[in-house]
Amino acid sequence: MPGIDYSPEPNRPKGINPVLCWGHNRLPKQKNIAIYILSANRLRPLAGALHNAIFNTARRVRGQIFYVAPPFVFAYFLWSWMEEKNRFLNSKEGRLQAERVG
């Protein structure tokens, strides 16, 4: 192409302007150029969320199960005992026993 010179040190006769590409040694210093990039959590905010939620929940449950389960097991057995006792006391045999005792 006439009129364009790609050499690093072009002889500049009148009317010919060199093409100053990236890496050219006569490229002027850049000023006031800001570069903005997005971080990974902005690009994919829910990356791995489902996977981490499953395993994190399992880990936390495994750590707390011995603090939470015993009171629930105790409450279940207490409730079942109370239900059976109530059923017995409201039955014919239970009422007869209550009359004999009290």
N, C-alpha and C. Protein backbone atom coordinates (compact mmCIF):
# COMPACT_ATOMS: atom_id res chain seq x y z
N MET A 1 0.85 -1.19 0.00
CA MET A 1 0.00 0.00 0.00
C MET A 1 0.88 1.23 0.00
N PRO A 2 0.70 2.06 -0.92
CA PRO A 2 1.50 3.29 -0.93
C PRO A 2 1.00 4.24 0.15
N GLY A 3 1.93 4.92 0.79
CA GLY A 3 1.59 5.93 1.79
C GLY A 3 1.60 5.41 3.22
N ILE A 4 1.73 4.08 3.45
CA ILE A 4 1.76 3.55 4.82
C ILE A 4 3.06 2.80 4.99
N ASP A 5 3.76 3.10 6.08
CA ASP A 5 5.05 2.49 6.34
C ASP A 5 4.99 1.78 7.68
N TYR A 6 5.29 0.45 7.70
CA TYR A 6 5.23 -0.34 8.93
C TYR A 6 6.59 -0.52 9.58
N SER A 7 7.64 0.03 9.07
CA SER A 7 8.96 -0.20 9.65
C SER A 7 9.09 0.53 10.98
N PRO A 8 9.93 0.02 11.91
CA PRO A 8 10.04 0.66 13.22
C PRO A 8 10.64 2.06 13.16
N GLU A 9 11.52 2.32 12.25
CA GLU A 9 12.07 3.66 12.10
C GLU A 9 11.87 4.11 10.65
N PRO A 10 10.71 4.50 10.35
CA PRO A 10 10.45 4.85 8.94
C PRO A 10 11.12 6.17 8.56
N ASN A 11 11.59 6.18 7.35
CA ASN A 11 12.03 7.46 6.80
C ASN A 11 10.76 8.19 6.41
N ARG A 12 10.60 9.35 6.94
CA ARG A 12 9.32 10.01 6.77
C ARG A 12 9.41 11.11 5.73
N PRO A 13 9.31 10.74 4.48
CA PRO A 13 9.20 11.81 3.49
C PRO A 13 7.86 12.51 3.64
N LYS A 14 7.76 13.66 3.11
CA LYS A 14 6.55 14.45 3.26
C LYS A 14 5.35 13.71 2.68
N GLY A 15 4.26 13.64 3.46
CA GLY A 15 3.03 13.03 3.01
C GLY A 15 2.87 11.57 3.38
N ILE A 16 3.90 10.93 3.95
CA ILE A 16 3.77 9.54 4.36
C ILE A 16 3.75 9.49 5.89
N ASN A 17 2.68 8.94 6.45
CA ASN A 17 2.56 8.83 7.91
C ASN A 17 2.71 7.35 8.30
N PRO A 18 3.56 7.08 9.29
CA PRO A 18 3.73 5.68 9.69
C PRO A 18 2.53 5.18 10.49
N VAL A 19 2.32 3.88 10.45
CA VAL A 19 1.27 3.26 11.25
C VAL A 19 1.91 2.88 12.58
N LEU A 20 1.45 3.48 13.66
CA LEU A 20 2.02 3.21 14.98
C LEU A 20 1.14 2.17 15.67
N CYS A 21 1.57 0.92 15.62
CA CYS A 21 0.81 -0.19 16.20
C CYS A 21 1.28 -0.41 17.63
N TRP A 22 0.59 -1.34 18.33
CA TRP A 22 1.03 -1.72 19.67
C TRP A 22 2.44 -2.28 19.57
N GLY A 23 3.31 -1.86 20.47
CA GLY A 23 4.68 -2.34 20.47
C GLY A 23 5.62 -1.54 19.59
N HIS A 24 5.12 -0.58 18.89
CA HIS A 24 5.98 0.26 18.05
C HIS A 24 6.81 1.14 18.95
N ASN A 25 8.08 1.30 18.62
CA ASN A 25 8.95 2.04 19.53
C ASN A 25 8.69 3.54 19.55
N ARG A 26 7.94 4.06 18.64
CA ARG A 26 7.64 5.50 18.67
C ARG A 26 6.20 5.77 19.09
N LEU A 27 5.57 4.81 19.67
CA LEU A 27 4.19 4.98 20.11
C LEU A 27 4.19 5.94 21.30
N PRO A 28 3.37 6.97 21.27
CA PRO A 28 3.36 7.92 22.39
C PRO A 28 2.82 7.27 23.66
N LYS A 29 3.24 7.78 24.82
CA LYS A 29 2.78 7.27 26.11
C LYS A 29 1.28 7.49 26.23
N GLN A 30 0.61 6.51 26.78
CA GLN A 30 -0.84 6.63 26.97
C GLN A 30 -1.11 7.30 28.31
N LYS A 31 -2.09 8.15 28.31
CA LYS A 31 -2.47 8.84 29.53
C LYS A 31 -3.97 8.76 29.72
N ASN A 32 -4.38 8.77 30.98
CA ASN A 32 -5.79 8.84 31.36
C ASN A 32 -6.63 7.72 30.74
N ILE A 33 -6.07 6.53 30.71
CA ILE A 33 -6.83 5.38 30.21
C ILE A 33 -7.10 4.48 31.40
N ALA A 34 -8.35 4.27 31.68
CA ALA A 34 -8.74 3.39 32.79
C ALA A 34 -9.24 2.07 32.21
N ILE A 35 -8.86 0.99 32.84
CA ILE A 35 -9.30 -0.33 32.41
C ILE A 35 -10.17 -0.90 33.51
N TYR A 36 -11.36 -1.30 33.14
CA TYR A 36 -12.29 -1.88 34.09
C TYR A 36 -12.50 -3.34 33.72
N ILE A 37 -12.38 -4.21 34.72
CA ILE A 37 -12.65 -5.63 34.50
C ILE A 37 -13.60 -6.10 35.59
N LEU A 38 -14.31 -7.15 35.31
CA LEU A 38 -15.21 -7.73 36.29
C LEU A 38 -14.52 -8.89 36.99
N SER A 39 -14.73 -8.96 38.29
CA SER A 39 -14.16 -10.08 39.03
C SER A 39 -14.97 -11.34 38.74
N ALA A 40 -14.43 -12.48 39.13
CA ALA A 40 -15.07 -13.76 38.83
C ALA A 40 -16.43 -13.88 39.49
N ASN A 41 -16.56 -13.35 40.73
CA ASN A 41 -17.86 -13.48 41.39
C ASN A 41 -18.91 -12.55 40.78
N ARG A 42 -18.50 -11.55 40.03
CA ARG A 42 -19.46 -10.72 39.32
C ARG A 42 -19.87 -11.37 38.00
N LEU A 43 -18.94 -12.08 37.38
CA LEU A 43 -19.24 -12.72 36.12
C LEU A 43 -20.17 -13.92 36.33
N ARG A 44 -19.89 -14.71 37.37
CA ARG A 44 -20.71 -15.90 37.67
C ARG A 44 -21.05 -15.88 39.15
N PRO A 45 -22.03 -15.10 39.56
CA PRO A 45 -22.29 -14.95 40.99
C PRO A 45 -22.78 -16.22 41.66
N LEU A 46 -23.38 -17.14 40.94
CA LEU A 46 -23.88 -18.37 41.55
C LEU A 46 -23.08 -19.60 41.13
N ALA A 47 -21.83 -19.37 40.74
CA ALA A 47 -21.00 -20.50 40.31
C ALA A 47 -20.76 -21.44 41.47
N GLY A 48 -21.20 -22.67 41.33
CA GLY A 48 -20.99 -23.69 42.36
C GLY A 48 -21.87 -23.54 43.57
N ALA A 49 -22.88 -22.69 43.52
CA ALA A 49 -23.71 -22.45 44.70
C ALA A 49 -24.49 -23.69 45.10
N LEU A 50 -25.06 -24.39 44.15
CA LEU A 50 -25.84 -25.58 44.48
C LEU A 50 -24.94 -26.68 45.04
N HIS A 51 -23.80 -26.90 44.41
CA HIS A 51 -22.85 -27.91 44.88
C HIS A 51 -22.37 -27.57 46.29
N ASN A 52 -21.98 -26.32 46.51
CA ASN A 52 -21.48 -25.93 47.82
C ASN A 52 -22.59 -25.97 48.86
N ALA A 53 -23.81 -25.65 48.47
CA ALA A 53 -24.92 -25.67 49.43
C ALA A 53 -25.17 -27.08 49.93
N ILE A 54 -25.12 -28.05 49.05
CA ILE A 54 -25.37 -29.44 49.46
C ILE A 54 -24.29 -29.92 50.42
N PHE A 55 -23.04 -29.75 50.06
CA PHE A 55 -21.97 -30.28 50.89
C PHE A 55 -21.77 -29.45 52.16
N ASN A 56 -21.98 -28.15 52.09
CA ASN A 56 -21.85 -27.32 53.29
C ASN A 56 -22.96 -27.65 54.27
N THR A 57 -24.18 -27.89 53.77
CA THR A 57 -25.29 -28.26 54.64
C THR A 57 -25.02 -29.61 55.30
N ALA A 58 -24.53 -30.57 54.54
CA ALA A 58 -24.21 -31.89 55.11
C ALA A 58 -23.14 -31.78 56.19
N ARG A 59 -22.14 -30.97 55.96
CA ARG A 59 -21.06 -30.80 56.94
C ARG A 59 -21.59 -30.16 58.21
N ARG A 60 -22.45 -29.15 58.08
CA ARG A 60 -22.98 -28.47 59.25
C ARG A 60 -23.95 -29.35 60.03
N VAL A 61 -24.76 -30.13 59.32
CA VAL A 61 -25.69 -31.04 60.00
C VAL A 61 -24.89 -32.10 60.76
N ARG A 62 -23.85 -32.64 60.12
CA ARG A 62 -23.03 -33.66 60.77
C ARG A 62 -22.39 -33.11 62.04
N GLY A 63 -22.05 -31.83 62.05
CA GLY A 63 -21.43 -31.23 63.24
C GLY A 63 -22.42 -30.94 64.35
N GLN A 64 -23.71 -30.78 64.03
CA GLN A 64 -24.69 -30.38 65.03
C GLN A 64 -25.68 -31.47 65.41
N ILE A 65 -25.62 -32.62 64.75
CA ILE A 65 -26.64 -33.65 64.94
C ILE A 65 -26.71 -34.14 66.38
N PHE A 66 -25.58 -34.23 67.08
CA PHE A 66 -25.59 -34.75 68.45
C PHE A 66 -26.06 -33.72 69.46
N TYR A 67 -26.18 -32.46 69.05
CA TYR A 67 -26.75 -31.45 69.93
C TYR A 67 -28.26 -31.32 69.72
N VAL A 68 -28.71 -31.61 68.52
CA VAL A 68 -30.11 -31.40 68.17
C VAL A 68 -30.94 -32.68 68.31
N ALA A 69 -30.41 -33.80 67.92
CA ALA A 69 -31.19 -35.04 67.87
C ALA A 69 -31.62 -35.56 69.25
N PRO A 70 -30.77 -35.60 70.29
CA PRO A 70 -31.21 -36.18 71.56
C PRO A 70 -32.45 -35.52 72.17
N PRO A 71 -32.59 -34.19 72.18
CA PRO A 71 -33.83 -33.64 72.71
C PRO A 71 -35.06 -34.04 71.89
N PHE A 72 -34.91 -34.14 70.57
CA PHE A 72 -36.04 -34.56 69.74
C PHE A 72 -36.39 -36.03 69.97
N VAL A 73 -35.39 -36.88 70.14
CA VAL A 73 -35.65 -38.28 70.43
C VAL A 73 -36.34 -38.41 71.79
N PHE A 74 -35.85 -37.69 72.79
CA PHE A 74 -36.48 -37.70 74.11
C PHE A 74 -37.92 -37.21 74.02
N ALA A 75 -38.15 -36.12 73.29
CA ALA A 75 -39.51 -35.58 73.15
C ALA A 75 -40.41 -36.57 72.43
N TYR A 76 -39.90 -37.27 71.44
CA TYR A 76 -40.71 -38.27 70.73
C TYR A 76 -41.14 -39.40 71.65
N PHE A 77 -40.18 -39.94 72.44
CA PHE A 77 -40.53 -41.03 73.35
C PHE A 77 -41.46 -40.55 74.46
N LEU A 78 -41.27 -39.35 74.97
CA LEU A 78 -42.17 -38.79 75.98
C LEU A 78 -43.58 -38.63 75.41
N TRP A 79 -43.67 -38.11 74.19
CA TRP A 79 -44.97 -37.91 73.54
C TRP A 79 -45.68 -39.24 73.30
N SER A 80 -44.94 -40.25 72.82
CA SER A 80 -45.57 -41.54 72.57
C SER A 80 -46.02 -42.18 73.89
N TRP A 81 -45.25 -42.03 74.98
CA TRP A 81 -45.66 -42.56 76.28
C TRP A 81 -46.93 -41.85 76.76
N MET A 82 -46.96 -40.52 76.60
CA MET A 82 -48.14 -39.76 77.03
C MET A 82 -49.37 -40.13 76.21
N GLU A 83 -49.21 -40.36 74.92
CA GLU A 83 -50.34 -40.76 74.07
C GLU A 83 -50.90 -42.11 74.53
N GLU A 84 -49.98 -43.05 74.79
CA GLU A 84 -50.42 -44.38 75.22
C GLU A 84 -51.11 -44.32 76.59
N LYS A 85 -50.55 -43.53 77.49
CA LYS A 85 -51.16 -43.37 78.83
C LYS A 85 -52.54 -42.73 78.72
N ASN A 86 -52.67 -41.73 77.87
CA ASN A 86 -53.95 -41.06 77.68
C ASN A 86 -54.98 -42.02 77.07
N ARG A 87 -54.55 -42.80 76.08
CA ARG A 87 -55.44 -43.78 75.48
C ARG A 87 -55.93 -44.80 76.51
N PHE A 88 -55.00 -45.23 77.38
CA PHE A 88 -55.37 -46.21 78.41
C PHE A 88 -56.33 -45.59 79.43
N LEU A 89 -56.02 -44.38 79.89
CA LEU A 89 -56.87 -43.76 80.92
C LEU A 89 -58.27 -43.43 80.40
N ASN A 90 -58.42 -43.23 79.11
CA ASN A 90 -59.73 -42.94 78.54
C ASN A 90 -60.43 -44.20 78.03
N SER A 91 -59.84 -45.36 78.26
CA SER A 91 -60.49 -46.61 77.86
C SER A 91 -61.31 -47.15 79.04
N LYS A 92 -62.06 -48.20 78.79
CA LYS A 92 -62.91 -48.79 79.84
C LYS A 92 -62.06 -49.31 81.00
N GLU A 93 -60.96 -50.02 80.69
CA GLU A 93 -60.10 -50.55 81.74
C GLU A 93 -59.44 -49.44 82.54
N GLY A 94 -59.04 -48.39 81.86
CA GLY A 94 -58.38 -47.28 82.55
C GLY A 94 -59.32 -46.56 83.51
N ARG A 95 -60.56 -46.38 83.10
CA ARG A 95 -61.55 -45.73 83.99
C ARG A 95 -61.86 -46.59 85.20
N LEU A 96 -61.95 -47.88 84.99
CA LEU A 96 -62.18 -48.78 86.13
C LEU A 96 -61.01 -48.73 87.12
N GLN A 97 -59.78 -48.72 86.60
CA GLN A 97 -58.61 -48.64 87.46
C GLN A 97 -58.57 -47.31 88.20
N ALA A 98 -58.93 -46.22 87.54
CA ALA A 98 -58.93 -44.91 88.16
C ALA A 98 -59.98 -44.84 89.28
N GLU A 99 -61.14 -45.51 89.11
CA GLU A 99 -62.17 -45.53 90.14
C GLU A 99 -61.70 -46.34 91.34
N ARG A 100 -60.99 -47.45 91.13
CA ARG A 100 -60.52 -48.28 92.23
C ARG A 100 -59.43 -47.56 93.03
N VAL A 101 -58.55 -46.82 92.34
CA VAL A 101 -57.44 -46.15 93.00
C VAL A 101 -57.93 -44.90 93.72
N GLY A 102 -58.76 -44.12 93.08
CA GLY A 102 -59.12 -42.84 93.64
C GLY A 102 -60.50 -42.79 94.10
